[in-house]
């Protein structure tokens, strides 16, 4: 499955007093599969895969 680079979703991003990003960004989207990155103080903390299964949203944490 080929993933396409997807734009960051600013609704999930806040910045702390030092201007470093906190929150979630959409990293990839392929069909109904999304890879969401978690960022704390500008450093990537982890990620999760979100997708639709039988019309329902599901989460898988990695």
N, C-alpha and C. Protein backbone atom coordinates (compact mmCIF):
# COMPACT_ATOMS: atom_id res chain seq x y z
N UNK A 1 0.85 -1.19 0.00
CA UNK A 1 0.00 0.00 0.00
C UNK A 1 0.89 1.24 0.00
N UNK A 2 0.69 2.10 -0.96
CA UNK A 2 1.47 3.32 -1.05
C UNK A 2 0.80 4.41 -0.21
N UNK A 3 1.57 5.05 0.65
CA UNK A 3 1.03 6.14 1.49
C UNK A 3 1.42 7.48 0.88
N UNK A 4 0.55 8.44 1.01
CA UNK A 4 0.83 9.78 0.53
C UNK A 4 1.07 10.69 1.72
N UNK A 5 2.05 11.56 1.58
CA UNK A 5 2.30 12.54 2.63
C UNK A 5 1.09 13.45 2.74
N UNK A 6 0.62 13.67 3.94
CA UNK A 6 -0.61 14.42 4.17
C UNK A 6 -0.29 15.67 4.98
N UNK A 7 -0.99 16.75 4.75
CA UNK A 7 -0.74 18.00 5.47
C UNK A 7 -1.08 17.87 6.95
N UNK A 8 -0.36 18.61 7.76
CA UNK A 8 -0.65 18.63 9.20
C UNK A 8 -2.02 19.26 9.43
N UNK A 9 -2.73 18.73 10.39
CA UNK A 9 -4.04 19.26 10.75
C UNK A 9 -3.86 20.18 11.94
N UNK A 10 -3.90 21.49 11.69
CA UNK A 10 -3.62 22.48 12.73
C UNK A 10 -4.59 22.43 13.89
N UNK A 11 -5.77 21.84 13.72
CA UNK A 11 -6.73 21.79 14.81
C UNK A 11 -6.24 20.93 15.96
N UNK A 12 -5.26 20.07 15.72
CA UNK A 12 -4.75 19.20 16.77
C UNK A 12 -3.45 19.72 17.39
N UNK A 13 -2.93 20.85 16.90
CA UNK A 13 -1.61 21.32 17.33
C UNK A 13 -1.72 22.57 18.19
N UNK A 14 -1.05 22.55 19.33
CA UNK A 14 -0.89 23.72 20.19
C UNK A 14 0.61 23.95 20.33
N UNK A 15 0.98 25.13 20.79
CA UNK A 15 2.39 25.42 21.03
C UNK A 15 2.56 25.86 22.48
N UNK A 16 3.65 25.39 23.11
CA UNK A 16 3.91 25.78 24.49
C UNK A 16 4.56 27.16 24.52
N UNK A 17 4.95 27.62 25.71
CA UNK A 17 5.51 28.97 25.86
C UNK A 17 6.83 29.13 25.11
N UNK A 18 7.51 28.03 24.80
CA UNK A 18 8.77 28.10 24.04
C UNK A 18 8.52 27.98 22.54
N UNK A 19 7.26 27.90 22.13
CA UNK A 19 6.92 27.80 20.72
C UNK A 19 7.06 26.41 20.14
N UNK A 20 7.21 25.40 21.01
CA UNK A 20 7.34 24.02 20.53
C UNK A 20 5.96 23.38 20.40
N UNK A 21 5.81 22.53 19.40
CA UNK A 21 4.52 21.93 19.08
C UNK A 21 4.13 20.86 20.09
N UNK A 22 2.85 20.83 20.42
CA UNK A 22 2.25 19.78 21.24
C UNK A 22 0.96 19.36 20.55
N UNK A 23 0.67 18.07 20.56
CA UNK A 23 -0.60 17.61 20.00
C UNK A 23 -0.43 16.46 19.03
N UNK A 24 -1.31 16.44 18.01
CA UNK A 24 -1.34 15.35 17.04
C UNK A 24 -1.27 15.93 15.63
N UNK A 25 -0.61 15.22 14.74
CA UNK A 25 -0.58 15.60 13.33
C UNK A 25 -0.90 14.38 12.49
N UNK A 26 -1.58 14.60 11.39
CA UNK A 26 -1.83 13.52 10.43
C UNK A 26 -0.58 13.39 9.57
N UNK A 27 0.07 12.23 9.64
CA UNK A 27 1.32 12.02 8.91
C UNK A 27 1.06 11.44 7.52
N UNK A 28 0.27 10.39 7.48
CA UNK A 28 -0.04 9.73 6.21
C UNK A 28 -1.52 9.44 6.10
N UNK A 29 -1.99 9.36 4.87
CA UNK A 29 -3.36 8.91 4.61
C UNK A 29 -3.30 8.01 3.39
N UNK A 30 -3.86 6.82 3.51
CA UNK A 30 -3.94 5.90 2.38
C UNK A 30 -5.34 5.30 2.42
N UNK A 31 -6.21 5.74 1.53
CA UNK A 31 -7.60 5.29 1.56
C UNK A 31 -8.27 5.77 2.83
N UNK A 32 -8.79 4.85 3.63
CA UNK A 32 -9.44 5.21 4.90
C UNK A 32 -8.52 4.98 6.09
N UNK A 33 -7.23 4.78 5.82
CA UNK A 33 -6.26 4.55 6.89
C UNK A 33 -5.49 5.85 7.12
N UNK A 34 -5.40 6.25 8.38
CA UNK A 34 -4.65 7.45 8.75
C UNK A 34 -3.58 7.07 9.76
N UNK A 35 -2.39 7.66 9.64
CA UNK A 35 -1.36 7.51 10.65
C UNK A 35 -1.26 8.86 11.35
N UNK A 36 -1.52 8.85 12.66
CA UNK A 36 -1.53 10.07 13.47
C UNK A 36 -0.28 10.08 14.35
N UNK A 37 0.51 11.15 14.26
CA UNK A 37 1.70 11.29 15.09
C UNK A 37 1.40 12.11 16.32
N UNK A 38 1.99 11.73 17.45
CA UNK A 38 1.86 12.46 18.70
C UNK A 38 3.15 13.24 18.94
N UNK A 39 3.01 14.53 19.24
CA UNK A 39 4.17 15.41 19.42
C UNK A 39 4.07 16.09 20.78
N UNK A 40 5.18 16.08 21.54
CA UNK A 40 5.24 16.76 22.83
C UNK A 40 6.52 17.58 22.87
N UNK A 41 6.40 18.88 23.09
CA UNK A 41 7.53 19.79 23.11
C UNK A 41 8.39 19.67 21.85
N UNK A 42 7.71 19.50 20.71
CA UNK A 42 8.40 19.44 19.43
C UNK A 42 9.06 18.12 19.12
N UNK A 43 8.90 17.11 20.00
CA UNK A 43 9.54 15.80 19.81
C UNK A 43 8.47 14.74 19.60
N UNK A 44 8.66 13.93 18.56
CA UNK A 44 7.69 12.86 18.27
C UNK A 44 7.71 11.84 19.40
N UNK A 45 6.53 11.57 19.98
CA UNK A 45 6.42 10.65 21.11
C UNK A 45 5.93 9.27 20.69
N UNK A 46 5.24 9.18 19.60
CA UNK A 46 4.68 7.91 19.15
C UNK A 46 3.67 8.16 18.06
N UNK A 47 2.95 7.11 17.69
CA UNK A 47 1.97 7.25 16.63
C UNK A 47 0.88 6.22 16.80
N UNK A 48 -0.20 6.41 16.08
CA UNK A 48 -1.32 5.48 16.10
C UNK A 48 -1.90 5.38 14.70
N UNK A 49 -2.50 4.25 14.41
CA UNK A 49 -3.17 4.05 13.14
C UNK A 49 -4.67 4.13 13.38
N UNK A 50 -5.36 4.95 12.59
CA UNK A 50 -6.82 5.06 12.70
C UNK A 50 -7.40 4.66 11.36
N UNK A 51 -8.47 3.89 11.38
CA UNK A 51 -9.10 3.50 10.12
C UNK A 51 -10.57 3.19 10.35
N UNK A 52 -11.28 3.08 9.25
CA UNK A 52 -12.70 2.75 9.30
C UNK A 52 -12.87 1.27 8.98
N UNK A 53 -13.57 0.58 9.85
CA UNK A 53 -13.85 -0.84 9.67
C UNK A 53 -15.36 -1.03 9.77
N UNK A 54 -15.98 -1.48 8.68
CA UNK A 54 -17.44 -1.64 8.62
C UNK A 54 -18.16 -0.34 8.97
N UNK A 55 -17.60 0.78 8.51
CA UNK A 55 -18.23 2.08 8.74
C UNK A 55 -18.00 2.68 10.11
N UNK A 56 -17.22 2.00 10.98
CA UNK A 56 -16.95 2.50 12.33
C UNK A 56 -15.47 2.85 12.46
N UNK A 57 -15.21 3.92 13.19
CA UNK A 57 -13.85 4.37 13.41
C UNK A 57 -13.17 3.47 14.44
N UNK A 58 -11.96 3.03 14.12
CA UNK A 58 -11.21 2.18 15.04
C UNK A 58 -9.83 2.78 15.25
N UNK A 59 -9.22 2.49 16.39
CA UNK A 59 -7.87 2.95 16.68
C UNK A 59 -6.99 1.76 17.01
N UNK A 60 -5.76 1.81 16.54
CA UNK A 60 -4.76 0.82 16.91
C UNK A 60 -3.52 1.59 17.34
N UNK A 61 -3.10 1.43 18.56
CA UNK A 61 -1.95 2.17 19.07
C UNK A 61 -0.67 1.39 18.81
N UNK A 62 0.38 2.12 18.46
CA UNK A 62 1.66 1.49 18.15
C UNK A 62 2.74 2.03 19.07
